Amino acid sequence: MKATNRDLLVLVKNEYASDQFMEQEVELLNDLLLHYETMNNFCRAHEVFDLNRNKILRKHQHIHQVVRQTELKPFQFLCNKN
């Protein structure tokens, strides 16, 4: 399995949870996030406001192009639809 490099904050009500339980919970969360953190899902959940052209870009290919850039152009904003 690919090792992930992320920080997760896991809050548990049971203060007596064992280290093995916590490791298992974090591993399950990593597995879950691995399946859902894809570029397709990212593009579905975001849109780009391009104020230079007065357009809102919603197509997957346009959002993917903008995300691949090292820096956003001036007055281009990547916004979550939520």
C-alpha atoms as a PDB file:
ATOM      1  CA  MET A   1       0.000   0.000   0.000  1.00  0.00           C
ATOM      2  CA  LYS A   2       1.211   3.486  -0.807  1.00  0.00           C
ATOM      3  CA  ALA A   3       2.213   5.390   2.306  1.00  0.00           C
ATOM      4  CA  THR A   4       0.501   8.753   2.534  1.00  0.00           C
ATOM      5  CA  ASN A   5       2.087  11.890   3.856  1.00  0.00           C
ATOM      6  CA  ARG A   6      -0.729  13.798   5.520  1.00  0.00           C
ATOM      7  CA  ASP A   7      -1.704  15.092   8.900  1.00  0.00           C
ATOM      8  CA  LEU A   8      -5.024  13.919  10.267  1.00  0.00           C
ATOM      9  CA  LEU A   9      -6.664  15.110  13.439  1.00  0.00           C
ATOM     10  CA  VAL A  10      -8.847  12.354  14.862  1.00  0.00           C
ATOM     11  CA  LEU A  11     -11.057  13.198  17.816  1.00  0.00           C
ATOM     12  CA  VAL A  12     -12.312  10.288  19.893  1.00  0.00           C
ATOM     13  CA  LYS A  13     -14.770  10.462  22.771  1.00  0.00           C
ATOM     14  CA  ASN A  14     -13.304   7.366  24.398  1.00  0.00           C
ATOM     15  CA  GLU A  15     -10.150   8.488  26.186  1.00  0.00           C
ATOM     16  CA  TYR A  16      -9.186   4.875  26.863  1.00  0.00           C
ATOM     17  CA  ALA A  17      -8.794   3.948  23.187  1.00  0.00           C
ATOM     18  CA  SER A  18      -5.666   1.908  22.577  1.00  0.00           C
ATOM     19  CA  ASP A  19      -2.867   2.865  20.207  1.00  0.00           C
ATOM     20  CA  GLN A  20      -3.741  -0.095  18.013  1.00  0.00           C
ATOM     21  CA  PHE A  21      -7.326   1.146  17.714  1.00  0.00           C
ATOM     22  CA  MET A  22      -6.150   4.623  16.733  1.00  0.00           C
ATOM     23  CA  GLU A  23      -3.712   3.257  14.140  1.00  0.00           C
ATOM     24  CA  GLN A  24      -6.510   1.183  12.636  1.00  0.00           C
ATOM     25  CA  GLU A  25      -8.834   4.201  12.499  1.00  0.00           C
ATOM     26  CA  VAL A  26      -6.200   6.346  10.782  1.00  0.00           C
ATOM     27  CA  GLU A  27      -5.457   3.570   8.296  1.00  0.00           C
ATOM     28  CA  LEU A  28      -9.162   3.239   7.460  1.00  0.00           C
ATOM     29  CA  LEU A  29      -9.451   7.006   7.010  1.00  0.00           C
ATOM     30  CA  ASN A  30      -6.432   7.013   4.695  1.00  0.00           C
ATOM     31  CA  ASP A  31      -7.972   4.187   2.629  1.00  0.00           C
ATOM     32  CA  LEU A  32     -11.245   6.066   2.395  1.00  0.00           C
ATOM     33  CA  LEU A  33      -9.597   9.331   1.365  1.00  0.00           C
ATOM     34  CA  LEU A  34      -7.395   7.572  -1.182  1.00  0.00           C
ATOM     35  CA  HIS A  35     -10.483   6.463  -3.098  1.00  0.00           C
ATOM     36  CA  TYR A  36     -12.278   9.817  -2.980  1.00  0.00           C
ATOM     37  CA  GLU A  37      -9.470  12.328  -3.430  1.00  0.00           C
ATOM     38  CA  THR A  38      -9.238  12.126  -7.204  1.00  0.00           C
ATOM     39  CA  MET A  39      -8.826  14.856  -9.796  1.00  0.00           C
ATOM     40  CA  ASN A  40     -12.257  14.047 -11.212  1.00  0.00           C
ATOM     41  CA  ASN A  41     -13.923  14.599  -7.832  1.00  0.00           C
ATOM     42  CA  PHE A  42     -11.845  17.734  -7.265  1.00  0.00           C
ATOM     43  CA  CYS A  43     -12.956  19.197 -10.599  1.00  0.00           C
ATOM     44  CA  ARG A  44     -16.559  18.297  -9.843  1.00  0.00           C
ATOM     45  CA  ALA A  45     -16.439  20.188  -6.529  1.00  0.00           C
ATOM     46  CA  HIS A  46     -14.665  23.350  -7.761  1.00  0.00           C
ATOM     47  CA  GLU A  47     -15.112  26.084 -10.324  1.00  0.00           C
ATOM     48  CA  VAL A  48     -12.865  28.865 -11.582  1.00  0.00           C
ATOM     49  CA  PHE A  49     -13.894  32.506 -11.593  1.00  0.00           C
ATOM     50  CA  ASP A  50     -11.966  34.198 -14.384  1.00  0.00           C
ATOM     51  CA  LEU A  51     -12.522  37.927 -13.977  1.00  0.00           C
ATOM     52  CA  ASN A  52     -10.207  38.715 -16.890  1.00  0.00           C
ATOM     53  CA  ARG A  53     -12.713  37.185 -19.304  1.00  0.00           C
ATOM     54  CA  ASN A  54     -15.779  37.581 -17.069  1.00  0.00           C
ATOM     55  CA  LYS A  55     -16.459  33.841 -17.137  1.00  0.00           C
ATOM     56  CA  ILE A  56     -17.061  31.038 -14.713  1.00  0.00           C
ATOM     57  CA  LEU A  57     -15.291  27.863 -15.831  1.00  0.00           C
ATOM     58  CA  ARG A  58     -17.090  24.682 -14.826  1.00  0.00           C
ATOM     59  CA  LYS A  59     -15.852  22.089 -17.323  1.00  0.00           C
ATOM     60  CA  HIS A  60     -13.484  19.462 -15.982  1.00  0.00           C
ATOM     61  CA  GLN A  61     -10.851  20.090 -18.642  1.00  0.00           C
ATOM     62  CA  HIS A  62     -10.701  23.833 -17.934  1.00  0.00           C
ATOM     63  CA  ILE A  63     -10.459  23.350 -14.176  1.00  0.00           C
ATOM     64  CA  HIS A  64      -7.781  20.686 -14.663  1.00  0.00           C
ATOM     65  CA  GLN A  65      -5.745  23.099 -16.830  1.00  0.00           C
ATOM     66  CA  VAL A  66      -5.943  25.828 -14.205  1.00  0.00           C
ATOM     67  CA  VAL A  67      -4.962  23.467 -11.375  1.00  0.00           C
ATOM     68  CA  ARG A  68      -1.921  22.192 -13.301  1.00  0.00           C
ATOM     69  CA  GLN A  69      -0.508  25.717 -13.552  1.00  0.00           C
ATOM     70  CA  THR A  70       2.173  26.556 -11.016  1.00  0.00           C
ATOM     71  CA  GLU A  71       0.414  29.839 -10.218  1.00  0.00           C
ATOM     72  CA  LEU A  72      -3.013  31.216 -10.951  1.00  0.00           C
ATOM     73  CA  LYS A  73      -3.148  34.160 -13.308  1.00  0.00           C
ATOM     74  CA  PRO A  74      -4.154  37.482 -11.772  1.00  0.00           C
ATOM     75  CA  PHE A  75      -7.883  37.697 -11.085  1.00  0.00           C
ATOM     76  CA  GLN A  76      -8.461  33.970 -11.498  1.00  0.00           C
ATOM     77  CA  PHE A  77     -10.005  32.359  -8.451  1.00  0.00           C
ATOM     78  CA  LEU A  78     -10.472  28.688  -7.679  1.00  0.00           C
ATOM     79  CA  CYS A  79     -13.606  28.327  -5.560  1.00  0.00           C
ATOM     80  CA  ASN A  80     -15.261  25.373  -3.901  1.00  0.00           C
ATOM     81  CA  LYS A  81     -18.932  24.985  -4.840  1.00  0.00           C
ATOM     82  CA  ASN A  82     -19.879  24.241  -1.247  1.00  0.00           C
END
